[in-house]
């Protein structure tokens, strides 16, 4: 009797006919795709960490930048740094190896912290929109509730909230065994996956995350910024009868610039993370195959890209941030100079708007 070695196509055909599709890992990514993935993820990691650390440093080291809004943006930069330094590297290893090799503890921890960072980001953006709404539409009330100290308390509450609501990820995330087919070889491999005793629980959890941590915050933010836009661009703002016309015009222009920047940040967040939530909803009724895995890698890249875009937006759309960043860089360069030179000190006066 002669030995017969089945082809890869025949092997896959037999597996499809004799096993549950959910028990088989999808095809490994092609080497070219892996190389592109490694390069792209590495650039996002480097850009995300450097950009957001600079944001935190500029805001905390410059008194003129420590407004309530900017203090809250430190929270957003913190969640973006967490994504860039923790979530992305682990996700990259998972995709390149096409199996989970980092143990169950890291499986649960990675999924938990990814959920925490996304919830913290969207909650921070929503709180910023509400804070801006009160500052511009109800300035008299805002005077008593908008302080950097209370902003610090809000940041603590945001992260406590994110850490708490993400606890279910520690329960439903676990290691599962799948068949991994490599040419004619078959072996058992681990995957890090969500487990639900009933499919309906998967549906409820996915819909809950999409509605509560994406749809509702986005609606709240667009309503808040819509009302703010009406106040700044159409209606005469409260208090416009006070002060010189030139001062009022400059103040209003400054507020408009800040609102444009914040709306840009919100729109970018919505666009970057919408594909991620869309594919989660799609997965409810579809198995994971090769096309799904490819789509999953792309939506993760788009979502993770958001942590790089935010610092770029601050740099291009916030003149105060740009000037303070340049000043900080010049100070750092001066610290490393080996020769002392006479220095001329200039005093700059920064007029800080209610941002």
Protein backbone atom coordinates (compact mmCIF):
# COMPACT_ATOMS: atom_id res chain seq x y z
CA UNK A 1 0.00 0.00 0.00
CA UNK A 2 1.53 3.29 -1.09
CA UNK A 3 1.73 6.30 1.19
CA UNK A 4 -0.58 9.15 0.28
CA UNK A 5 -0.04 12.73 1.42
CA UNK A 6 -3.14 14.89 1.05
CA UNK A 7 -2.83 18.34 -0.43
CA UNK A 8 -3.52 21.41 1.69
CA UNK A 9 -6.81 21.98 -0.14
CA UNK A 10 -7.93 18.39 0.51
CA UNK A 11 -6.97 18.66 4.16
CA UNK A 12 -8.91 21.88 4.60
CA UNK A 13 -11.90 20.34 2.81
CA UNK A 14 -11.87 17.37 5.15
CA UNK A 15 -11.58 19.61 8.22
CA UNK A 16 -14.44 21.82 7.04
CA UNK A 17 -16.68 18.79 6.57
CA UNK A 18 -15.78 17.04 9.81
CA UNK A 19 -15.17 19.77 12.39
CA UNK A 20 -16.87 22.87 13.70
CA UNK A 21 -15.45 25.99 11.94
CA UNK A 22 -15.01 27.67 15.32
CA UNK A 23 -12.57 24.91 16.32
CA UNK A 24 -10.07 25.77 13.56
CA UNK A 25 -7.74 28.74 13.51
CA UNK A 26 -8.01 30.83 10.33
CA UNK A 27 -5.10 30.75 7.90
CA UNK A 28 -1.95 32.46 9.06
CA UNK A 29 -1.28 35.90 7.59
CA UNK A 30 1.07 36.01 4.62
CA UNK A 31 4.65 37.08 5.33
CA UNK A 32 4.32 40.33 3.36
CA UNK A 33 1.22 41.20 5.39
CA UNK A 34 3.07 40.39 8.63
CA UNK A 35 5.98 42.64 7.65
CA UNK A 36 3.62 45.51 6.83
CA UNK A 37 1.83 44.91 10.12
CA UNK A 38 5.05 44.99 12.13
CA UNK A 39 6.20 48.24 10.48
CA UNK A 40 2.80 49.94 10.86
CA UNK A 41 2.30 48.88 14.48
CA UNK A 42 5.87 49.90 15.37
CA UNK A 43 5.34 53.39 13.93
CA UNK A 44 2.04 53.74 15.84
CA UNK A 45 3.71 52.58 19.08
CA UNK A 46 6.61 55.04 18.74
CA UNK A 47 4.41 57.94 17.61
CA UNK A 48 1.75 57.25 20.23
CA UNK A 49 4.16 57.06 23.16
CA UNK A 50 6.30 60.06 22.19
CA UNK A 51 3.36 62.25 21.16
CA UNK A 52 1.24 61.65 24.24
CA UNK A 53 4.13 61.87 26.70
CA UNK A 54 4.90 65.28 25.16
CA UNK A 55 1.26 66.32 25.62
CA UNK A 56 1.34 65.37 29.32
CA UNK A 57 4.72 67.05 29.85
CA UNK A 58 3.74 70.30 28.13
CA UNK A 59 0.48 70.62 30.08
CA UNK A 60 1.96 69.73 33.48
CA UNK A 61 5.18 71.74 33.13
CA UNK A 62 3.61 74.98 31.87
CA UNK A 63 1.27 76.87 34.19
CA UNK A 64 -0.37 78.67 31.27
CA UNK A 65 -1.54 75.28 29.95
CA UNK A 66 -3.13 74.05 33.18
CA UNK A 67 -6.69 74.99 32.31
CA UNK A 68 -9.55 72.67 33.23
CA UNK A 69 -9.91 71.41 29.66
CA UNK A 70 -6.20 70.71 29.28
CA UNK A 71 -6.02 68.91 32.63
CA UNK A 72 -8.80 66.63 31.40
CA UNK A 73 -6.90 66.10 28.15
CA UNK A 74 -4.05 64.68 30.27
CA UNK A 75 -6.42 61.80 31.03
CA UNK A 76 -7.00 61.27 27.30
CA UNK A 77 -3.25 61.32 26.66
CA UNK A 78 -2.81 58.80 29.47
CA UNK A 79 -5.27 56.35 27.94
CA UNK A 80 -3.64 56.81 24.52
CA UNK A 81 -0.22 56.10 26.06
CA UNK A 82 -1.62 52.93 27.64
CA UNK A 83 -2.91 51.78 24.26
CA UNK A 84 0.41 52.50 22.52
CA UNK A 85 2.67 50.95 25.17
CA UNK A 86 0.55 47.94 26.19
CA UNK A 87 -2.34 47.01 23.92
CA UNK A 88 -0.66 47.41 20.54
CA UNK A 89 2.53 45.38 21.23
CA UNK A 90 0.53 42.45 22.63
CA UNK A 91 -1.94 42.55 19.74
CA UNK A 92 0.96 42.58 17.27
CA UNK A 93 2.54 39.45 18.80
CA UNK A 94 -0.85 37.70 18.67
CA UNK A 95 -1.35 38.49 14.99
CA UNK A 96 2.18 37.56 13.94
CA UNK A 97 2.15 34.20 15.74
CA UNK A 98 -1.49 33.43 14.87
CA UNK A 99 -1.94 31.94 18.33
CA UNK A 100 -1.78 33.07 21.94
CA UNK A 101 1.51 32.15 23.62
CA UNK A 102 1.51 34.57 26.58
CA UNK A 103 -0.55 32.67 29.14
CA UNK A 104 -4.04 33.10 30.56
CA UNK A 105 -3.15 35.90 32.99
CA UNK A 106 -1.90 38.13 30.19
CA UNK A 107 -4.87 37.09 28.05
CA UNK A 108 -7.27 38.44 30.65
CA UNK A 109 -5.08 41.43 31.54
CA UNK A 110 -4.55 42.57 27.96
CA UNK A 111 -8.25 42.47 27.12
CA UNK A 112 -9.14 44.16 30.40
CA UNK A 113 -6.71 47.07 29.91
CA UNK A 114 -7.73 47.54 26.29
CA UNK A 115 -11.33 47.90 27.44
CA UNK A 116 -10.24 50.26 30.24
CA UNK A 117 -8.30 52.53 27.87
CA UNK A 118 -11.13 52.81 25.32
CA UNK A 119 -13.75 53.47 28.03
CA UNK A 120 -11.49 56.06 29.70
CA UNK A 121 -10.93 57.82 26.36
CA UNK A 122 -14.59 58.09 25.36
CA UNK A 123 -15.64 59.06 28.91
CA UNK A 124 -12.96 61.77 29.06
CA UNK A 125 -14.07 63.20 25.72
CA UNK A 126 -17.68 63.24 26.92
CA UNK A 127 -16.74 64.99 30.18
CA UNK A 128 -14.70 67.58 28.23
CA UNK A 129 -17.70 68.33 25.99
CA UNK A 130 -19.94 68.83 29.04
CA UNK A 131 -17.30 71.02 30.71
CA UNK A 132 -17.02 73.16 27.55
CA UNK A 133 -20.81 73.40 27.34
CA UNK A 134 -21.05 74.86 30.85
CA UNK A 135 -18.01 77.12 30.35
CA UNK A 136 -19.44 78.74 27.21
CA UNK A 137 -23.22 78.42 27.53
CA UNK A 138 -23.51 78.82 31.33
CA UNK A 139 -20.36 80.78 32.35
CA UNK A 140 -21.77 82.02 35.67
CA UNK A 141 -22.46 78.47 36.90
CA UNK A 142 -19.15 77.26 35.48
CA UNK A 143 -17.13 79.75 37.55
CA UNK A 144 -17.91 77.83 40.73
CA UNK A 145 -17.52 74.27 39.46
CA UNK A 146 -14.64 74.56 36.96
CA UNK A 147 -11.35 74.35 38.86
CA UNK A 148 -8.18 72.35 38.13
CA UNK A 149 -8.63 70.58 41.48
CA UNK A 150 -12.10 69.38 40.54
CA UNK A 151 -10.77 68.41 37.13
CA UNK A 152 -8.27 66.18 38.94
CA UNK A 153 -11.11 64.58 40.89
CA UNK A 154 -13.03 64.04 37.65
CA UNK A 155 -10.01 62.28 36.13
CA UNK A 156 -9.82 59.96 39.14
CA UNK A 157 -13.54 59.19 38.85
CA UNK A 158 -13.22 58.56 35.09
CA UNK A 159 -10.49 55.96 35.63
CA UNK A 160 -12.27 54.33 38.57
CA UNK A 161 -15.35 54.07 36.36
CA UNK A 162 -13.34 52.60 33.46
CA UNK A 163 -11.57 50.10 35.73
CA UNK A 164 -14.87 49.02 37.29
CA UNK A 165 -17.04 48.59 34.19
CA UNK A 166 -14.26 46.62 32.49
CA UNK A 167 -14.16 43.93 35.22
CA UNK A 168 -16.44 41.55 33.22
CA UNK A 169 -13.57 41.22 30.70
CA UNK A 170 -11.57 39.42 33.39
CA UNK A 171 -14.37 36.86 33.63
CA UNK A 172 -15.38 36.26 30.02
CA UNK A 173 -11.87 36.34 28.53
CA UNK A 174 -10.05 33.01 28.64
CA UNK A 175 -7.72 30.69 26.74
CA UNK A 176 -9.33 28.21 24.36
CA UNK A 177 -7.83 25.43 22.25
CA UNK A 178 -8.10 25.42 18.47
CA UNK A 179 -6.72 23.29 15.65
CA UNK A 180 -3.85 25.05 13.90
CA UNK A 181 -3.18 23.78 10.38
CA UNK A 182 0.27 24.43 8.90
CA UNK A 183 0.47 22.83 5.46
CA UNK A 184 -0.07 19.12 6.25
CA UNK A 185 0.69 19.44 9.96
CA UNK A 186 -2.02 19.85 12.55
CA UNK A 187 -1.38 20.91 16.12
CA UNK A 188 -3.30 22.30 19.06
CA UNK A 189 -2.92 26.03 19.68
CA UNK A 190 -4.31 28.50 22.19
CA UNK A 191 -6.40 31.56 21.37
CA UNK A 192 -7.40 34.38 23.69
CA UNK A 193 -11.16 34.63 23.24
CA UNK A 194 -14.33 35.74 24.97
CA UNK A 195 -16.40 32.88 26.34
CA UNK A 196 -20.16 32.98 26.92
CA UNK A 197 -22.24 30.04 28.12
CA UNK A 198 -25.04 31.22 25.82
CA UNK A 199 -24.81 33.16 22.55
CA UNK A 200 -27.43 35.61 23.79
CA UNK A 201 -24.98 36.83 26.46
CA UNK A 202 -22.46 37.62 23.73
CA UNK A 203 -25.11 39.63 21.89
CA UNK A 204 -26.16 41.52 25.04
CA UNK A 205 -22.58 42.37 26.04
CA UNK A 206 -21.57 43.52 22.54
CA UNK A 207 -24.68 45.67 22.09
CA UNK A 208 -24.24 47.11 25.59
CA UNK A 209 -20.64 48.14 24.87
CA UNK A 210 -21.59 49.65 21.51
CA UNK A 211 -24.56 51.62 22.83
CA UNK A 212 -23.25 52.74 26.24
CA UNK A 213 -19.60 53.34 25.40
CA UNK A 214 -19.85 54.58 21.83
CA UNK A 215 -23.32 55.62 20.64
CA UNK A 216 -24.55 57.45 23.75
CA UNK A 217 -21.28 59.38 24.37
CA UNK A 218 -21.07 60.38 20.70
CA UNK A 219 -24.66 61.67 20.78
CA UNK A 220 -23.98 63.61 24.00
CA UNK A 221 -20.82 65.16 22.53
CA UNK A 222 -22.40 66.19 19.25
CA UNK A 223 -25.36 67.73 21.12
CA UNK A 224 -23.02 69.63 23.45
CA UNK A 225 -20.78 70.93 20.67
CA UNK A 226 -23.80 71.73 18.52
CA UNK A 227 -25.14 73.95 21.29
CA UNK A 228 -21.70 75.50 21.78
CA UNK A 229 -21.34 76.19 18.05
CA UNK A 230 -24.71 77.94 18.07
CA UNK A 231 -23.59 80.04 21.04
CA UNK A 232 -20.25 81.06 19.49
CA UNK A 233 -21.08 81.40 15.81
CA UNK A 234 -24.72 82.50 15.75
CA UNK A 235 -25.99 83.81 19.06
CA UNK A 236 -24.42 86.73 20.91
CA UNK A 237 -22.56 85.12 23.83
CA UNK A 238 -23.40 85.96 27.41
CA UNK A 239 -21.13 88.73 28.66
CA UNK A 240 -20.43 90.30 25.26
CA UNK A 241 -21.59 93.64 26.63
CA UNK A 242 -18.56 93.67 28.94
CA UNK A 243 -15.07 94.65 27.80
CA UNK A 244 -13.73 96.34 24.69
CA UNK A 245 -14.87 95.12 21.25
CA UNK A 246 -11.30 94.07 20.38
CA UNK A 247 -10.92 92.04 23.59
CA UNK A 248 -14.29 90.37 23.08
CA UNK A 249 -13.45 89.53 19.47
CA UNK A 250 -10.09 88.00 20.45
CA UNK A 251 -11.66 86.01 23.28
CA UNK A 252 -14.39 84.69 21.03
CA UNK A 253 -11.88 83.77 18.32
CA UNK A 254 -9.77 81.91 20.89
CA UNK A 255 -12.79 79.95 22.12
CA UNK A 256 -13.75 79.04 18.56
CA UNK A 257 -10.26 77.67 17.89
CA UNK A 258 -10.41 75.48 20.99
CA UNK A 259 -13.87 74.18 20.06
CA UNK A 260 -12.71 73.39 16.51
CA UNK A 261 -9.82 71.41 17.96
CA UNK A 262 -12.03 69.48 20.38
CA UNK A 263 -14.63 68.71 17.71
CA UNK A 264 -11.81 67.42 15.49
CA UNK A 265 -10.62 65.14 18.31
CA UNK A 266 -14.16 63.80 18.81
CA UNK A 267 -14.73 63.21 15.09
CA UNK A 268 -11.39 61.41 14.76
CA UNK A 269 -12.20 59.20 17.75
CA UNK A 270 -15.61 58.35 16.29
CA UNK A 271 -14.23 57.56 12.84
CA UNK A 272 -11.26 55.56 14.13
CA UNK A 273 -13.23 53.32 16.51
CA UNK A 274 -16.45 52.91 14.51
CA UNK A 275 -14.97 50.11 12.32
CA UNK A 276 -13.88 48.27 15.48
CA UNK A 277 -17.40 48.29 16.93
CA UNK A 278 -18.88 47.49 13.50
CA UNK A 279 -16.78 44.34 13.14
CA UNK A 280 -17.68 43.30 16.69
CA UNK A 281 -21.36 43.51 15.72
CA UNK A 282 -20.65 41.65 12.46
CA UNK A 283 -18.95 38.84 14.38
CA UNK A 284 -22.16 38.12 16.30
CA UNK A 285 -23.60 36.31 13.27
CA UNK A 286 -20.43 35.24 11.45
CA UNK A 287 -17.56 32.85 12.12
CA UNK A 288 -13.92 33.93 12.21
CA UNK A 289 -12.36 33.10 8.84
CA UNK A 290 -9.36 34.42 6.93
CA UNK A 291 -11.23 37.43 5.56
CA UNK A 292 -12.51 38.30 9.04
CA UNK A 293 -8.98 38.06 10.47
CA UNK A 294 -7.65 40.40 7.77
CA UNK A 295 -10.48 42.86 8.41
CA UNK A 296 -9.83 42.61 12.14
CA UNK A 297 -6.18 43.59 11.73
CA UNK A 298 -7.17 46.60 9.62
CA UNK A 299 -9.81 47.90 12.05
CA UNK A 300 -7.36 47.53 14.93
CA UNK A 301 -4.81 49.60 13.02
CA UNK A 302 -7.43 52.30 12.35
CA UNK A 303 -8.52 52.31 16.01
CA UNK A 304 -4.97 52.41 17.35
CA UNK A 305 -4.08 55.19 14.92
CA UNK A 306 -6.28 57.49 16.99
CA UNK A 307 -3.68 57.58 19.79
CA UNK A 308 -1.17 59.10 17.33
CA UNK A 309 -3.57 61.59 15.75
CA UNK A 310 -4.58 63.39 18.96
CA UNK A 311 -1.12 64.90 19.71
CA UNK A 312 -0.86 65.94 16.04
CA UNK A 313 -4.22 67.74 16.32
CA UNK A 314 -3.05 69.60 19.45
CA UNK A 315 0.15 70.64 17.68
CA UNK A 316 -1.56 71.97 14.57
CA UNK A 317 -4.70 73.50 16.09
CA UNK A 318 -3.60 74.80 19.51
CA UNK A 319 -1.22 77.77 19.28
CA UNK A 320 -0.71 77.82 23.05
CA UNK A 321 0.35 74.17 23.02
CA UNK A 322 2.68 74.78 20.07
CA UNK A 323 4.40 77.73 21.78
CA UNK A 324 4.79 75.89 25.09
CA UNK A 325 6.20 72.83 23.30
CA UNK A 326 8.80 74.99 21.52
CA UNK A 327 9.65 76.68 24.81
CA UNK A 328 10.07 73.33 26.58
CA UNK A 329 12.32 71.99 23.81
CA UNK A 330 14.50 75.11 23.96
CA UNK A 331 14.78 74.76 27.75
CA UNK A 332 15.85 71.13 27.38
CA UNK A 333 18.45 72.07 24.77
CA UNK A 334 19.77 74.77 27.07
CA UNK A 335 20.21 72.26 29.90
CA UNK A 336 22.55 70.16 27.75
CA UNK A 337 24.76 73.02 26.58
CA UNK A 338 28.31 72.60 27.82
CA UNK A 339 29.29 76.24 27.48
CA UNK A 340 27.59 79.05 29.30
CA UNK A 341 26.53 82.05 27.33
CA UNK A 342 24.95 85.31 28.42
CA UNK A 343 21.23 84.91 28.20
CA UNK A 344 18.54 87.45 27.62
CA UNK A 345 15.36 86.74 29.51
CA UNK A 346 12.10 87.72 27.95
CA UNK A 347 8.82 87.94 29.76
CA UNK A 348 5.78 86.75 27.85
CA UNK A 349 2.25 87.43 28.90
CA UNK A 350 -0.28 84.75 28.03
CA UNK A 351 -3.94 85.61 28.07
CA UNK A 352 -5.69 82.37 28.95
CA UNK A 353 -9.25 81.97 27.87
CA UNK A 354 -11.74 79.83 29.72
CA UNK A 355 -10.30 76.60 28.34
